[in-house]
Amino acid sequence: MNSRRQFLKTSAVTLAGALISGPLFSEVLKKTKHVGIQLFTIPALVATDFKGTLTKLASIGYKEIEFFGPYEFSAQETIEGWTKIAPSLGITRNAFYGYKISEVKSMLKDLGLNTPSVHLDLQTMRTNMGYAMEALSSLGTKYVAIPAIANPDDRSDFNKLADEFNTFGEQMSKYGLTFVYHNHGYEHAPKDGKILMDTLLTQTDPKIVMFELDIFWMTAAGANPVDYLNKYPGRFKLLHLKDASEQVRFSGDGGSPDQWIPLFGKMADPGTGVFDIPGIIDAAKRSGAEHFYLERDLTPSPETTLSNSFAYLKGKV
């Protein structure tokens, strides 16, 4: 196992050297990406009128959609757990909102939309991988991301978790999909002199394990998104963009929903808060990011957030 980990570290360094040298930088920065949206920004709208909301997103100019679960193929434990907390978040329906995957795919195509990535929970990956990957590969997505690991027991052994991510990556690759991990803040709390985020980045295979950087949660944990983008080029393929009305930090280690939810009220539309969004986007492009999503969790002002965020992000990504 040690030789495997040393190989992964060497591979990461080699990849970093390739990305941070030569004229590649300028070409990457010139390339404009599409503005996307994670639907957790507007869960009530998509639950009430899925097709109408997609139509509205397309009319504004969004091109990429990222779904959050649970889904009909999610683990039963996940579905039951989500049922308990969803009402308190104002979420009334699971994806894909009563439609078959084939219908969703057709709807997206008709509107000029696509779904490069989706969120899927850890338990489903552990117990229902084959069924889930068959369904998602038929949707036409590429990246499948764990949005968070809520159970502290699952974060107790950093090395074991990295090995499990490698296994997920190998399993997904058979379906033409790529495993992704989305940070949620607790990854930066030190434990035994180690930082979970760095362990995951250095001990996972860069060919089959990628990352989605949520700039708000990383900042709330006291880490700097630009530093991570610069330190680990090629690993962060997806970004969640939102702003903060003021400087934010977790009340503790960032390891539980009772620390996440109070910070929702300090989120702001990109360009209206204290984050250096242009600087982060430039660093992400240099690092090799491919997809940029608006995600202002459960925004209290959907219409304003959707229109203003697109206007701000258009041309920057």
C-alpha atoms as a PDB file:
ATOM      1  CA  MET A   1       0.000   0.000   0.000  1.00  0.00           C
ATOM      2  CA  ASN A   2       2.881   2.384   0.784  1.00  0.00           C
ATOM      3  CA  SER A   3       4.371   1.916  -2.692  1.00  0.00           C
ATOM      4  CA  ARG A   4       0.989   2.661  -4.233  1.00  0.00           C
ATOM      5  CA  ARG A   5       0.675   5.866  -2.222  1.00  0.00           C
ATOM      6  CA  GLN A   6       4.203   6.947  -3.170  1.00  0.00           C
ATOM      7  CA  PHE A   7       3.328   6.357  -6.825  1.00  0.00           C
ATOM      8  CA  LEU A   8       0.217   8.503  -6.466  1.00  0.00           C
ATOM      9  CA  LYS A   9       2.223  11.330  -4.907  1.00  0.00           C
ATOM     10  CA  THR A  10       4.808  11.157  -7.702  1.00  0.00           C
ATOM     11  CA  SER A  11       2.069  11.150 -10.346  1.00  0.00           C
ATOM     12  CA  ALA A  12       0.464  14.217  -8.794  1.00  0.00           C
ATOM     13  CA  VAL A  13       3.764  16.125  -8.820  1.00  0.00           C
ATOM     14  CA  THR A  14       4.381  15.198 -12.454  1.00  0.00           C
ATOM     15  CA  LEU A  15       0.895  16.322 -13.425  1.00  0.00           C
ATOM     16  CA  ALA A  16       1.355  19.589 -11.562  1.00  0.00           C
ATOM     17  CA  GLY A  17       4.568  20.305 -13.419  1.00  0.00           C
ATOM     18  CA  ALA A  18       2.902  19.715 -16.761  1.00  0.00           C
ATOM     19  CA  LEU A  19       0.030  22.054 -15.981  1.00  0.00           C
ATOM     20  CA  ILE A  20       1.930  24.967 -14.511  1.00  0.00           C
ATOM     21  CA  SER A  21       4.464  25.373 -17.310  1.00  0.00           C
ATOM     22  CA  GLY A  22       4.483  26.507 -20.895  1.00  0.00           C
ATOM     23  CA  PRO A  23       1.859  28.325 -22.969  1.00  0.00           C
ATOM     24  CA  LEU A  24      -0.933  26.061 -21.705  1.00  0.00           C
ATOM     25  CA  PHE A  25      -1.839  28.652 -19.068  1.00  0.00           C
ATOM     26  CA  SER A  26      -2.717  31.396 -21.494  1.00  0.00           C
ATOM     27  CA  GLU A  27      -4.779  29.057 -23.659  1.00  0.00           C
ATOM     28  CA  VAL A  28      -6.718  27.762 -20.661  1.00  0.00           C
ATOM     29  CA  LEU A  29      -7.468  31.274 -19.440  1.00  0.00           C
ATOM     30  CA  LYS A  30      -8.737  32.345 -22.866  1.00  0.00           C
ATOM     31  CA  LYS A  31     -11.258  29.520 -23.068  1.00  0.00           C
ATOM     32  CA  THR A  32     -14.696  30.568 -21.843  1.00  0.00           C
ATOM     33  CA  LYS A  33     -16.708  27.985 -19.953  1.00  0.00           C
ATOM     34  CA  HIS A  34     -20.462  27.732 -19.645  1.00  0.00           C
ATOM     35  CA  VAL A  35     -22.176  29.007 -16.506  1.00  0.00           C
ATOM     36  CA  GLY A  36     -23.913  26.165 -14.686  1.00  0.00           C
ATOM     37  CA  ILE A  37     -26.119  25.802 -11.622  1.00  0.00           C
ATOM     38  CA  GLN A  38     -26.393  23.277  -8.819  1.00  0.00           C
ATOM     39  CA  LEU A  39     -30.121  22.801  -8.276  1.00  0.00           C
ATOM     40  CA  PHE A  40     -29.716  22.909  -4.472  1.00  0.00           C
ATOM     41  CA  THR A  41     -29.761  26.657  -5.105  1.00  0.00           C
ATOM     42  CA  ILE A  42     -33.466  26.501  -6.014  1.00  0.00           C
ATOM     43  CA  PRO A  43     -34.912  23.190  -4.763  1.00  0.00           C
ATOM     44  CA  ALA A  44     -38.441  24.523  -4.226  1.00  0.00           C
ATOM     45  CA  LEU A  45     -38.686  25.794  -7.799  1.00  0.00           C
ATOM     46  CA  VAL A  46     -37.572  22.548  -9.428  1.00  0.00           C
ATOM     47  CA  ALA A  47     -39.811  20.491  -7.138  1.00  0.00           C
ATOM     48  CA  THR A  48     -42.847  22.615  -7.964  1.00  0.00           C
ATOM     49  CA  ASP A  49     -42.282  22.963 -11.717  1.00  0.00           C
ATOM     50  CA  PHE A  50     -39.293  21.015 -12.953  1.00  0.00           C
ATOM     51  CA  LYS A  51     -39.745  21.561 -16.689  1.00  0.00           C
ATOM     52  CA  GLY A  52     -40.749  25.194 -16.273  1.00  0.00           C
ATOM     53  CA  THR A  53     -37.716  25.886 -14.092  1.00  0.00           C
ATOM     54  CA  LEU A  54     -35.337  24.271 -16.573  1.00  0.00           C
ATOM     55  CA  THR A  55     -36.910  26.372 -19.302  1.00  0.00           C
ATOM     56  CA  LYS A  56     -36.343  29.512 -17.236  1.00  0.00           C
ATOM     57  CA  LEU A  57     -32.720  28.586 -16.547  1.00  0.00           C
ATOM     58  CA  ALA A  58     -32.113  28.055 -20.249  1.00  0.00           C
ATOM     59  CA  SER A  59     -33.754  31.374 -21.119  1.00  0.00           C
ATOM     60  CA  ILE A  60     -31.447  33.197 -18.677  1.00  0.00           C
ATOM     61  CA  GLY A  61     -28.443  31.580 -20.312  1.00  0.00           C
ATOM     62  CA  TYR A  62     -27.418  28.723 -18.029  1.00  0.00           C
ATOM     63  CA  LYS A  63     -26.088  25.743 -19.956  1.00  0.00           C
ATOM     64  CA  GLU A  64     -25.162  23.175 -17.328  1.00  0.00           C
ATOM     65  CA  ILE A  65     -27.258  21.571 -14.608  1.00  0.00           C
ATOM     66  CA  GLU A  66     -25.979  19.673 -11.569  1.00  0.00           C
ATOM     67  CA  PHE A  67     -28.554  17.500  -9.795  1.00  0.00           C
ATOM     68  CA  PHE A  68     -28.625  16.566  -6.122  1.00  0.00           C
ATOM     69  CA  GLY A  69     -30.305  13.429  -4.776  1.00  0.00           C
ATOM     70  CA  PRO A  70     -31.726  11.305  -3.512  1.00  0.00           C
ATOM     71  CA  TYR A  71     -32.983   9.421  -6.547  1.00  0.00           C
ATOM     72  CA  GLU A  72     -35.088   6.331  -7.066  1.00  0.00           C
ATOM     73  CA  PHE A  73     -31.862   4.319  -7.261  1.00  0.00           C
ATOM     74  CA  SER A  74     -30.446   5.760  -4.022  1.00  0.00           C
ATOM     75  CA  ALA A  75     -29.931   3.485  -1.028  1.00  0.00           C
ATOM     76  CA  GLN A  76     -33.101   3.065   1.032  1.00  0.00           C
ATOM     77  CA  GLU A  77     -31.249   4.304   4.103  1.00  0.00           C
ATOM     78  CA  THR A  78     -30.422   7.510   2.244  1.00  0.00           C
ATOM     79  CA  ILE A  79     -33.987   8.064   1.088  1.00  0.00           C
ATOM     80  CA  GLU A  80     -35.359   7.531   4.597  1.00  0.00           C
ATOM     81  CA  GLY A  81     -32.773   9.832   6.154  1.00  0.00           C
ATOM     82  CA  TRP A  82     -33.421  12.561   3.621  1.00  0.00           C
ATOM     83  CA  THR A  83     -37.175  12.326   4.231  1.00  0.00           C
ATOM     84  CA  LYS A  84     -36.568  13.327   7.852  1.00  0.00           C
ATOM     85  CA  ILE A  85     -34.615  16.518   7.103  1.00  0.00           C
ATOM     86  CA  ALA A  86     -35.979  17.635   3.719  1.00  0.00           C
ATOM     87  CA  PRO A  87     -39.137  19.368   5.068  1.00  0.00           C
ATOM     88  CA  SER A  88     -37.060  21.579   7.373  1.00  0.00           C
ATOM     89  CA  LEU A  89     -35.107  22.719   4.302  1.00  0.00           C
ATOM     90  CA  GLY A  90     -38.252  23.379   2.284  1.00  0.00           C
ATOM     91  CA  ILE A  91     -37.508  20.468  -0.061  1.00  0.00           C
ATOM     92  CA  THR A  92     -40.574  18.495  -1.063  1.00  0.00           C
ATOM     93  CA  ARG A  93     -39.502  16.058  -3.785  1.00  0.00           C
ATOM     94  CA  ASN A  94     -36.567  13.865  -4.751  1.00  0.00           C
ATOM     95  CA  ALA A  95     -34.808  14.025  -8.104  1.00  0.00           C
ATOM     96  CA  PHE A  96     -35.833  13.470 -10.865  1.00  0.00           C
ATOM     97  CA  TYR A  97     -39.131  15.031  -9.767  1.00  0.00           C
ATOM     98  CA  GLY A  98     -41.412  12.309 -11.086  1.00  0.00           C
ATOM     99  CA  TYR A  99     -39.772  12.020 -14.508  1.00  0.00           C
ATOM    100  CA  LYS A 100     -37.912   9.052 -15.955  1.00  0.00           C
ATOM    101  CA  ILE A 101     -34.223   9.548 -16.713  1.00  0.00           C
ATOM    102  CA  SER A 102     -34.897   9.228 -20.431  1.00  0.00           C
ATOM    103  CA  GLU A 103     -37.473  12.032 -20.148  1.00  0.00           C
ATOM    104  CA  VAL A 104     -35.042  14.223 -18.218  1.00  0.00           C
ATOM    105  CA  LYS A 105     -32.320  13.651 -20.791  1.00  0.00           C
ATOM    106  CA  SER A 106     -34.685  14.550 -23.638  1.00  0.00           C
ATOM    107  CA  MET A 107     -35.900  17.641 -21.782  1.00  0.00           C
ATOM    108  CA  LEU A 108     -32.348  18.858 -21.228  1.00  0.00           C
ATOM    109  CA  LYS A 109     -31.435  18.291 -24.860  1.00  0.00           C
ATOM    110  CA  ASP A 110     -34.481  20.172 -26.136  1.00  0.00           C
ATOM    111  CA  LEU A 111     -33.533  23.161 -23.983  1.00  0.00           C
ATOM    112  CA  GLY A 112     -29.855  23.136 -24.936  1.00  0.00           C
ATOM    113  CA  LEU A 113     -28.826  22.034 -21.458  1.00  0.00           C
ATOM    114  CA  ASN A 114     -26.576  19.230 -20.249  1.00  0.00           C
ATOM    115  CA  THR A 115     -25.610  17.726 -16.924  1.00  0.00           C
ATOM    116  CA  PRO A 116     -21.849  17.230 -16.656  1.00  0.00           C
ATOM    117  CA  SER A 117     -22.097  16.145 -13.021  1.00  0.00           C
ATOM    118  CA  VAL A 118     -24.486  14.985 -10.320  1.00  0.00           C
ATOM    119  CA  HIS A 119     -24.299  14.474  -6.578  1.00  0.00           C
ATOM    120  CA  LEU A 120     -24.679  11.015  -5.075  1.00  0.00           C
ATOM    121  CA  ASP A 121     -24.318   9.972  -1.466  1.00  0.00           C
ATOM    122  CA  LEU A 122     -21.690   7.721   0.081  1.00  0.00           C
ATOM    123  CA  GLN A 123     -24.109   5.007   1.199  1.00  0.00           C
ATOM    124  CA  THR A 124     -25.501   4.550  -2.299  1.00  0.00           C
ATOM    125  CA  MET A 125     -21.995   4.232  -3.706  1.00  0.00           C
ATOM    126  CA  ARG A 126     -21.230   1.585  -1.116  1.00  0.00           C
ATOM    127  CA  THR A 127     -24.368  -0.506  -1.535  1.00  0.00           C
ATOM    128  CA  ASN A 128     -25.992   0.319  -4.868  1.00  0.00           C
ATOM    129  CA  MET A 129     -23.130   1.264  -7.173  1.00  0.00           C
ATOM    130  CA  GLY A 130     -24.029  -0.823 -10.222  1.00  0.00           C
ATOM    131  CA  TYR A 131     -27.666   0.230 -10.379  1.00  0.00           C
ATOM    132  CA  ALA A 132     -26.793   3.888  -9.797  1.00  0.00           C
ATOM    133  CA  MET A 133     -24.008   3.987 -12.401  1.00  0.00           C
ATOM    134  CA  GLU A 134     -26.167   2.358 -15.055  1.00  0.00           C
ATOM    135  CA  ALA A 135     -28.837   4.974 -14.460  1.00  0.00           C
ATOM    136  CA  LEU A 136     -26.458   7.935 -14.426  1.00  0.00           C
ATOM    137  CA  SER A 137     -24.466   6.824 -17.444  1.00  0.00           C
ATOM    138  CA  SER A 138     -27.732   6.740 -19.394  1.00  0.00           C
ATOM    139  CA  LEU A 139     -28.303  10.385 -18.408  1.00  0.00           C
ATOM    140  CA  GLY A 140     -25.106  11.403 -20.160  1.00  0.00           C
ATOM    141  CA  THR A 141     -23.293  12.774 -17.127  1.00  0.00           C
ATOM    142  CA  LYS A 142     -19.526  12.461 -16.636  1.00  0.00           C
ATOM    143  CA  TYR A 143     -18.743  13.235 -12.994  1.00  0.00           C
ATOM    144  CA  VAL A 144     -20.441  11.712  -9.937  1.00  0.00           C
ATOM    145  CA  ALA A 145     -19.687  13.565  -6.706  1.00  0.00           C
ATOM    146  CA  ILE A 146     -20.126  12.812  -3.019  1.00  0.00           C
ATOM    147  CA  PRO A 147     -21.431  16.153  -1.650  1.00  0.00           C
ATOM    148  CA  ALA A 148     -20.481  15.537   1.982  1.00  0.00           C
ATOM    149  CA  ILE A 149     -19.764  12.826   4.536  1.00  0.00           C
ATOM    150  CA  ALA A 150     -22.040  13.609   7.450  1.00  0.00           C
ATOM    151  CA  ASN A 151     -21.158  10.635   9.666  1.00  0.00           C
ATOM    152  CA  PRO A 152     -17.949  11.317  11.653  1.00  0.00           C
ATOM    153  CA  ASP A 153     -17.246   7.568  11.828  1.00  0.00           C
ATOM    154  CA  ASP A 154     -16.774   7.554   8.060  1.00  0.00           C
ATOM    155  CA  ARG A 155     -14.069  10.204   8.470  1.00  0.00           C
ATOM    156  CA  SER A 156     -12.215   8.464  11.291  1.00  0.00           C
ATOM    157  CA  ASP A 157      -9.517   6.884   9.104  1.00  0.00           C
ATOM    158  CA  PHE A 158      -8.181   9.225   6.427  1.00  0.00           C
ATOM    159  CA  ASN A 159      -6.091   6.598   4.677  1.00  0.00           C
ATOM    160  CA  LYS A 160      -8.970   4.128   4.551  1.00  0.00           C
ATOM    161  CA  LEU A 161     -11.241   6.781   3.071  1.00  0.00           C
ATOM    162  CA  ALA A 162      -8.700   7.600   0.352  1.00  0.00           C
ATOM    163  CA  ASP A 163      -8.450   3.896  -0.518  1.00  0.00           C
ATOM    164  CA  GLU A 164     -12.237   3.690  -0.724  1.00  0.00           C
ATOM    165  CA  PHE A 165     -12.328   6.679  -3.078  1.00  0.00           C
ATOM    166  CA  ASN A 166      -9.822   4.898  -5.322  1.00  0.00           C
ATOM    167  CA  THR A 167     -12.109   1.875  -5.346  1.00  0.00           C
ATOM    168  CA  PHE A 168     -15.089   4.039  -6.270  1.00  0.00           C
ATOM    169  CA  GLY A 169     -13.057   5.589  -9.052  1.00  0.00           C
ATOM    170  CA  GLU A 170     -12.153   2.192 -10.464  1.00  0.00           C
ATOM    171  CA  GLN A 171     -15.767   1.008 -10.299  1.00  0.00           C
ATOM    172  CA  MET A 172     -17.131   4.143 -11.970  1.00  0.00           C
ATOM    173  CA  SER A 173     -14.536   4.074 -14.743  1.00  0.00           C
ATOM    174  CA  LYS A 174     -16.104   0.861 -16.025  1.00  0.00           C
ATOM    175  CA  TYR A 175     -19.220   2.918 -16.796  1.00  0.00           C
ATOM    176  CA  GLY A 176     -17.309   5.796 -18.362  1.00  0.00           C
ATOM    177  CA  LEU A 177     -17.841   7.934 -15.249  1.00  0.00           C
ATOM    178  CA  THR A 178     -15.427   9.713 -12.923  1.00  0.00           C
ATOM    179  CA  PHE A 179     -15.625   9.806  -9.136  1.00  0.00           C
ATOM    180  CA  VAL A 180     -15.523  13.250  -7.505  1.00  0.00           C
ATOM    181  CA  TYR A 181     -15.368  14.419  -3.901  1.00  0.00           C
ATOM    182  CA  HIS A 182     -16.974  17.742  -2.885  1.00  0.00           C
ATOM    183  CA  ASN A 183     -15.457  19.429   0.164  1.00  0.00           C
ATOM    184  CA  HIS A 184     -17.705  20.594   2.979  1.00  0.00           C
ATOM    185  CA  GLY A 185     -15.319  22.100   5.502  1.00  0.00           C
ATOM    186  CA  TYR A 186     -14.481  19.395   8.030  1.00  0.00           C
ATOM    187  CA  GLU A 187     -11.635  18.249   5.763  1.00  0.00           C
ATOM    188  CA  HIS A 188      -9.400  21.016   7.147  1.00  0.00           C
ATOM    189  CA  ALA A 189      -9.654  20.217  10.841  1.00  0.00           C
ATOM    190  CA  PRO A 190      -6.235  18.780  11.810  1.00  0.00           C
ATOM    191  CA  LYS A 191      -6.101  15.277  13.217  1.00  0.00           C
ATOM    192  CA  ASP A 192      -2.885  13.638  14.354  1.00  0.00           C
ATOM    193  CA  GLY A 193      -0.957  16.299  12.496  1.00  0.00           C
ATOM    194  CA  LYS A 194      -2.726  15.610   9.197  1.00  0.00           C
ATOM    195  CA  ILE A 195      -5.321  17.442   7.137  1.00  0.00           C
ATOM    196  CA  LEU A 196      -7.961  15.189   5.562  1.00  0.00           C
ATOM    197  CA  MET A 197      -8.170  17.258   2.384  1.00  0.00           C
ATOM    198  CA  ASP A 198      -4.461  16.861   1.707  1.00  0.00           C
ATOM    199  CA  THR A 199      -4.592  13.153   2.447  1.00  0.00           C
ATOM    200  CA  LEU A 200      -7.415  12.684  -0.041  1.00  0.00           C
ATOM    201  CA  LEU A 201      -5.596  14.706  -2.687  1.00  0.00           C
ATOM    202  CA  THR A 202      -2.236  12.967  -2.305  1.00  0.00           C
ATOM    203  CA  GLN A 203      -3.387   9.399  -1.716  1.00  0.00           C
ATOM    204  CA  THR A 204      -5.989   9.079  -4.451  1.00  0.00           C
ATOM    205  CA  ASP A 205      -5.279   8.246  -8.069  1.00  0.00           C
ATOM    206  CA  PRO A 206      -5.402  11.458 -10.175  1.00  0.00           C
ATOM    207  CA  LYS A 207      -6.585   9.429 -13.160  1.00  0.00           C
ATOM    208  CA  ILE A 208      -9.804   8.237 -11.525  1.00  0.00           C
ATOM    209  CA  VAL A 209     -10.477  10.538  -8.551  1.00  0.00           C
ATOM    210  CA  MET A 210     -11.260  14.239  -8.987  1.00  0.00           C
ATOM    211  CA  PHE A 211     -12.564  17.008  -6.742  1.00  0.00           C
ATOM    212  CA  GLU A 212     -15.261  19.671  -6.658  1.00  0.00           C
ATOM    213  CA  LEU A 213     -14.202  22.797  -4.784  1.00  0.00           C
ATOM    214  CA  ASP A 214     -16.880  24.654  -2.865  1.00  0.00           C
ATOM    215  CA  ILE A 215     -15.249  28.010  -2.204  1.00  0.00           C
ATOM    216  CA  PHE A 216     -17.616  28.959   0.627  1.00  0.00           C
ATOM    217  CA  TRP A 217     -17.184  25.828   2.723  1.00  0.00           C
ATOM    218  CA  MET A 218     -13.434  25.761   2.214  1.00  0.00           C
ATOM    219  CA  THR A 219     -13.192  29.391   3.341  1.00  0.00           C
ATOM    220  CA  ALA A 220     -15.451  28.707   6.332  1.00  0.00           C
ATOM    221  CA  ALA A 221     -12.949  26.047   7.365  1.00  0.00           C
ATOM    222  CA  GLY A 222     -10.136  28.595   7.357  1.00  0.00           C
ATOM    223  CA  ALA A 223      -8.495  27.360   4.151  1.00  0.00           C
ATOM    224  CA  ASN A 224      -7.778  29.329   0.980  1.00  0.00           C
ATOM    225  CA  PRO A 225      -9.334  28.042  -2.285  1.00  0.00           C
ATOM    226  CA  VAL A 226      -6.649  29.688  -4.428  1.00  0.00           C
ATOM    227  CA  ASP A 227      -3.892  28.011  -2.430  1.00  0.00           C
ATOM    228  CA  TYR A 228      -5.474  24.595  -3.027  1.00  0.00           C
ATOM    229  CA  LEU A 229      -6.054  25.241  -6.709  1.00  0.00           C
ATOM    230  CA  ASN A 230      -2.414  26.261  -7.105  1.00  0.00           C
ATOM    231  CA  LYS A 231      -1.046  23.414  -4.998  1.00  0.00           C
ATOM    232  CA  TYR A 232      -3.036  20.650  -6.697  1.00  0.00           C
ATOM    233  CA  PRO A 233      -3.425  21.511 -10.393  1.00  0.00           C
ATOM    234  CA  GLY A 234      -5.524  19.128 -12.419  1.00  0.00           C
ATOM    235  CA  ARG A 235      -7.485  17.766  -9.456  1.00  0.00           C
ATOM    236  CA  PHE A 236     -10.341  20.286  -9.105  1.00  0.00           C
ATOM    237  CA  LYS A 237     -12.487  19.802 -12.193  1.00  0.00           C
ATOM    238  CA  LEU A 238     -15.649  21.420 -10.779  1.00  0.00           C
ATOM    239  CA  LEU A 239     -16.301  24.577  -8.751  1.00  0.00           C
ATOM    240  CA  HIS A 240     -19.242  25.747  -6.663  1.00  0.00           C
ATOM    241  CA  LEU A 241     -19.383  29.532  -6.718  1.00  0.00           C
ATOM    242  CA  LYS A 242     -21.151  31.673  -4.157  1.00  0.00           C
ATOM    243  CA  ASP A 243     -20.162  34.695  -2.137  1.00  0.00           C
ATOM    244  CA  ALA A 244     -20.277  35.652   1.544  1.00  0.00           C
ATOM    245  CA  SER A 245     -21.801  38.796   2.998  1.00  0.00           C
ATOM    246  CA  GLU A 246     -19.000  38.825   5.597  1.00  0.00           C
ATOM    247  CA  GLN A 247     -16.014  36.756   6.603  1.00  0.00           C
ATOM    248  CA  VAL A 248     -17.212  33.284   7.605  1.00  0.00           C
ATOM    249  CA  ARG A 249     -15.860  30.570   9.876  1.00  0.00           C
ATOM    250  CA  PHE A 250     -17.407  27.465  11.380  1.00  0.00           C
ATOM    251  CA  SER A 251     -18.261  27.526  15.079  1.00  0.00           C
ATOM    252  CA  GLY A 252     -16.338  24.260  15.428  1.00  0.00           C
ATOM    253  CA  ASP A 253     -14.644  21.793  13.114  1.00  0.00           C
ATOM    254  CA  GLY A 254     -17.282  22.084  10.376  1.00  0.00           C
ATOM    255  CA  GLY A 255     -18.226  18.467  10.820  1.00  0.00           C
ATOM    256  CA  SER A 256     -22.008  18.564  11.184  1.00  0.00           C
ATOM    257  CA  PRO A 257     -25.145  20.113   9.658  1.00  0.00           C
ATOM    258  CA  ASP A 258     -25.744  22.179  12.798  1.00  0.00           C
ATOM    259  CA  GLN A 259     -22.594  24.096  11.829  1.00  0.00           C
ATOM    260  CA  TRP A 260     -23.430  24.303   8.106  1.00  0.00           C
ATOM    261  CA  ILE A 261     -27.030  25.483   8.214  1.00  0.00           C
ATOM    262  CA  PRO A 262     -26.451  28.618  10.355  1.00  0.00           C
ATOM    263  CA  LEU A 263     -24.023  29.854   7.676  1.00  0.00           C
ATOM    264  CA  PHE A 264     -26.617  29.691   4.891  1.00  0.00           C
ATOM    265  CA  GLY A 265     -27.774  33.140   5.952  1.00  0.00           C
ATOM    266  CA  LYS A 266     -24.290  34.556   5.329  1.00  0.00           C
ATOM    267  CA  MET A 267     -24.181  33.343   1.726  1.00  0.00           C
ATOM    268  CA  ALA A 268     -24.499  35.947  -1.008  1.00  0.00           C
ATOM    269  CA  ASP A 269     -24.797  36.064  -4.786  1.00  0.00           C
ATOM    270  CA  PRO A 270     -21.410  35.969  -6.561  1.00  0.00           C
ATOM    271  CA  GLY A 271     -19.946  39.447  -6.857  1.00  0.00           C
ATOM    272  CA  THR A 272     -21.946  40.965  -3.979  1.00  0.00           C
ATOM    273  CA  GLY A 273     -19.831  39.831  -1.043  1.00  0.00           C
ATOM    274  CA  VAL A 274     -16.293  39.671   0.295  1.00  0.00           C
ATOM    275  CA  PHE A 275     -14.813  36.877  -1.838  1.00  0.00           C
ATOM    276  CA  ASP A 276     -12.425  37.585  -4.707  1.00  0.00           C
ATOM    277  CA  ILE A 277     -14.512  35.652  -7.210  1.00  0.00           C
ATOM    278  CA  PRO A 278     -12.531  36.744 -10.333  1.00  0.00           C
ATOM    279  CA  GLY A 279      -9.261  35.747  -8.676  1.00  0.00           C
ATOM    280  CA  ILE A 280     -10.640  32.349  -7.681  1.00  0.00           C
ATOM    281  CA  ILE A 281     -12.021  31.729 -11.173  1.00  0.00           C
ATOM    282  CA  ASP A 282      -8.692  32.641 -12.787  1.00  0.00           C
ATOM    283  CA  ALA A 283      -6.848  30.294 -10.423  1.00  0.00           C
ATOM    284  CA  ALA A 284      -9.365  27.547 -11.170  1.00  0.00           C
ATOM    285  CA  LYS A 285      -8.902  27.930 -14.910  1.00  0.00           C
ATOM    286  CA  ARG A 286      -5.137  27.773 -14.488  1.00  0.00           C
ATOM    287  CA  SER A 287      -5.597  24.668 -12.368  1.00  0.00           C
ATOM    288  CA  GLY A 288      -7.646  22.913 -15.055  1.00  0.00           C
ATOM    289  CA  ALA A 289     -11.225  23.357 -13.824  1.00  0.00           C
ATOM    290  CA  GLU A 290     -13.828  22.473 -16.439  1.00  0.00           C
ATOM    291  CA  HIS A 291     -17.212  23.356 -14.933  1.00  0.00           C
ATOM    292  CA  PHE A 292     -18.364  26.325 -12.853  1.00  0.00           C
ATOM    293  CA  TYR A 293     -21.665  26.170 -10.994  1.00  0.00           C
ATOM    294  CA  LEU A 294     -23.627  28.804  -9.154  1.00  0.00           C
ATOM    295  CA  GLU A 295     -24.609  27.276  -5.832  1.00  0.00           C
ATOM    296  CA  ARG A 296     -26.116  29.572  -3.252  1.00  0.00           C
ATOM    297  CA  ASP A 297     -27.681  26.942  -1.024  1.00  0.00           C
ATOM    298  CA  LEU A 298     -31.450  27.426  -0.661  1.00  0.00           C
ATOM    299  CA  THR A 299     -31.303  31.021  -1.824  1.00  0.00           C
ATOM    300  CA  PRO A 300     -34.041  33.140  -0.214  1.00  0.00           C
ATOM    301  CA  SER A 301     -34.390  35.217  -3.405  1.00  0.00           C
ATOM    302  CA  PRO A 302     -34.444  32.801  -6.372  1.00  0.00           C
ATOM    303  CA  GLU A 303     -35.334  35.273  -9.118  1.00  0.00           C
ATOM    304  CA  THR A 304     -32.670  37.784  -8.111  1.00  0.00           C
ATOM    305  CA  THR A 305     -30.007  35.166  -7.474  1.00  0.00           C
ATOM    306  CA  LEU A 306     -30.546  33.449 -10.825  1.00  0.00           C
ATOM    307  CA  SER A 307     -30.490  36.587 -12.965  1.00  0.00           C
ATOM    308  CA  ASN A 308     -27.833  38.594 -11.125  1.00  0.00           C
ATOM    309  CA  SER A 309     -25.472  35.652 -10.671  1.00  0.00           C
ATOM    310  CA  PHE A 310     -25.593  34.742 -14.348  1.00  0.00           C
ATOM    311  CA  ALA A 311     -25.005  38.365 -15.372  1.00  0.00           C
ATOM    312  CA  TYR A 312     -21.998  38.541 -13.055  1.00  0.00           C
ATOM    313  CA  LEU A 313     -20.468  35.167 -13.950  1.00  0.00           C
ATOM    314  CA  LYS A 314     -21.020  35.393 -17.717  1.00  0.00           C
ATOM    315  CA  GLY A 315     -17.678  36.119 -19.327  1.00  0.00           C
ATOM    316  CA  LYS A 316     -15.747  35.459 -16.129  1.00  0.00           C
ATOM    317  CA  VAL A 317     -15.869  31.695 -16.396  1.00  0.00           C
END
